[in-house]
C-alpha atoms as a PDB file:
ATOM      1  CA  MET A   1     151.732 200.377 344.553  1.00  0.00           C
ATOM      2  CA  GLY A   2     147.675 200.149 344.228  1.00  0.00           C
ATOM      3  CA  GLU A   3     145.209 202.716 342.286  1.00  0.00           C
ATOM      4  CA  VAL A   4     145.588 206.215 343.947  1.00  0.00           C
ATOM      5  CA  VAL A   5     141.959 207.734 344.757  1.00  0.00           C
ATOM      6  CA  THR A   6     142.553 211.708 344.825  1.00  0.00           C
ATOM      7  CA  TYR A   7     139.826 213.581 346.853  1.00  0.00           C
ATOM      8  CA  GLU A   8     139.828 217.169 345.717  1.00  0.00           C
ATOM      9  CA  VAL A   9     139.119 220.377 347.989  1.00  0.00           C
ATOM     10  CA  VAL A  10     137.396 222.404 345.529  1.00  0.00           C
ATOM     11  CA  PRO A  11     135.993 226.216 346.563  1.00  0.00           C
ATOM     12  CA  ILE A  12     132.820 227.014 345.099  1.00  0.00           C
ATOM     13  CA  GLY A  13     131.355 230.174 346.436  1.00  0.00           C
ATOM     14  CA  LYS A  14     132.195 230.905 350.089  1.00  0.00           C
ATOM     15  CA  MET A  15     132.075 227.315 350.649  1.00  0.00           C
ATOM     16  CA  TRP A  16     134.125 224.411 350.228  1.00  0.00           C
ATOM     17  CA  LYS A  17     133.266 220.819 348.558  1.00  0.00           C
ATOM     18  CA  VAL A  18     135.058 217.863 348.992  1.00  0.00           C
ATOM     19  CA  GLY A  19     135.134 215.128 346.368  1.00  0.00           C
ATOM     20  CA  MET A  20     136.406 212.387 344.679  1.00  0.00           C
ATOM     21  CA  THR A  21     138.341 213.608 341.197  1.00  0.00           C
ATOM     22  CA  GLY A  22     136.201 212.981 338.151  1.00  0.00           C
ATOM     23  CA  ASP A  23     132.887 212.628 340.506  1.00  0.00           C
ATOM     24  CA  SER A  24     130.354 215.584 340.335  1.00  0.00           C
ATOM     25  CA  GLN A  25     128.693 214.235 343.194  1.00  0.00           C
ATOM     26  CA  ALA A  26     130.426 215.865 346.391  1.00  0.00           C
ATOM     27  CA  ASP A  27     130.806 213.927 349.760  1.00  0.00           C
ATOM     28  CA  SER A  28     130.552 216.984 351.720  1.00  0.00           C
ATOM     29  CA  ILE A  29     130.005 221.055 351.746  1.00  0.00           C
ATOM     30  CA  HIS A  30     132.182 222.820 354.503  1.00  0.00           C
ATOM     31  CA  GLU A  31     131.744 226.512 355.601  1.00  0.00           C
ATOM     32  CA  ASP A  32     135.397 226.528 355.989  1.00  0.00           C
ATOM     33  CA  LYS A  33     138.484 225.343 354.151  1.00  0.00           C
ATOM     34  CA  ASP A  34     139.951 223.610 357.517  1.00  0.00           C
ATOM     35  CA  SER A  35     137.020 221.180 357.725  1.00  0.00           C
ATOM     36  CA  ALA A  36     136.803 220.748 354.431  1.00  0.00           C
ATOM     37  CA  ILE A  37     140.787 219.217 354.504  1.00  0.00           C
ATOM     38  CA  ALA A  38     140.122 217.577 357.416  1.00  0.00           C
ATOM     39  CA  ARG A  39     137.072 215.798 355.908  1.00  0.00           C
ATOM     40  CA  ALA A  40     139.659 214.602 352.560  1.00  0.00           C
ATOM     41  CA  GLU A  41     142.268 213.784 354.839  1.00  0.00           C
ATOM     42  CA  GLN A  42     139.854 211.220 356.917  1.00  0.00           C
ATOM     43  CA  LEU A  43     138.623 210.009 353.148  1.00  0.00           C
ATOM     44  CA  ALA A  44     142.250 209.220 351.969  1.00  0.00           C
ATOM     45  CA  ARG A  45     143.363 207.445 355.069  1.00  0.00           C
ATOM     46  CA  GLN A  46     140.595 205.177 354.887  1.00  0.00           C
ATOM     47  CA  LEU A  47     141.957 203.822 351.397  1.00  0.00           C
ATOM     48  CA  PRO A  48     144.990 201.995 350.568  1.00  0.00           C
ATOM     49  CA  LEU A  49     146.272 204.742 348.715  1.00  0.00           C
ATOM     50  CA  GLY A  50     144.545 207.992 349.121  1.00  0.00           C
ATOM     51  CA  GLN A  51     145.519 211.619 347.813  1.00  0.00           C
ATOM     52  CA  VAL A  52     144.574 215.174 348.740  1.00  0.00           C
ATOM     53  CA  VAL A  53     144.420 217.657 346.647  1.00  0.00           C
ATOM     54  CA  VAL A  54     143.911 221.251 348.079  1.00  0.00           C
ATOM     55  CA  GLN A  55     142.869 224.219 345.493  1.00  0.00           C
ATOM     56  CA  THR A  56     143.284 227.961 345.864  1.00  0.00           C
ATOM     57  CA  ASP A  57     140.639 230.199 346.130  1.00  0.00           C
ATOM     58  CA  GLU A  58     141.286 231.164 342.626  1.00  0.00           C
ATOM     59  CA  GLY A  59     141.047 227.523 341.682  1.00  0.00           C
ATOM     60  CA  GLY A  60     145.086 226.286 341.424  1.00  0.00           C
ATOM     61  CA  VAL A  61     146.516 224.013 343.283  1.00  0.00           C
ATOM     62  CA  GLU A  62     148.125 225.285 347.095  1.00  0.00           C
ATOM     63  CA  ARG A  63     149.406 221.595 347.801  1.00  0.00           C
ATOM     64  CA  SER A  64     149.046 218.068 346.996  1.00  0.00           C
ATOM     65  CA  TYR A  65     149.481 214.920 349.085  1.00  0.00           C
ATOM     66  CA  PHE A  66     149.305 210.907 350.060  1.00  0.00           C
ATOM     67  CA  LEU A  67     147.962 209.464 352.638  1.00  0.00           C
ATOM     68  CA  GLY A  68     146.590 205.784 353.340  1.00  0.00           C
ATOM     69  CA  GLU A  69     147.712 202.106 354.461  1.00  0.00           C
ATOM     70  CA  GLU A  70     150.602 202.003 351.647  1.00  0.00           C
ATOM     71  CA  ARG A  71     151.445 205.440 352.606  1.00  0.00           C
ATOM     72  CA  ARG A  72     152.515 204.572 356.165  1.00  0.00           C
ATOM     73  CA  ALA A  73     154.040 201.498 354.822  1.00  0.00           C
ATOM     74  CA  GLY A  74     156.174 202.453 352.784  1.00  0.00           C
END
C-alpha cells in the first residue's frame, strides 16, 4: 500500500476549508460543507490512496474514509 495523503474539511467561521493535513495553505474555501466535501473527494480520487477527514462544526471528526486508485483496485 502506498503513502496516504489526507485532505481535511475544516470549519473556519461560517466557511469550510479544504487542505492537506499538515499544510497551512488551503486548497480551497467553500461557503457550504457539501461543496467542500466534494472538492476534498475530487482531490483524494486523483491520488493512489487519498483520505478524506470531515470535521464537525465543533472541530471533532464527523467521518473519515479512503478514496483513490488503490482503494478502487482493492
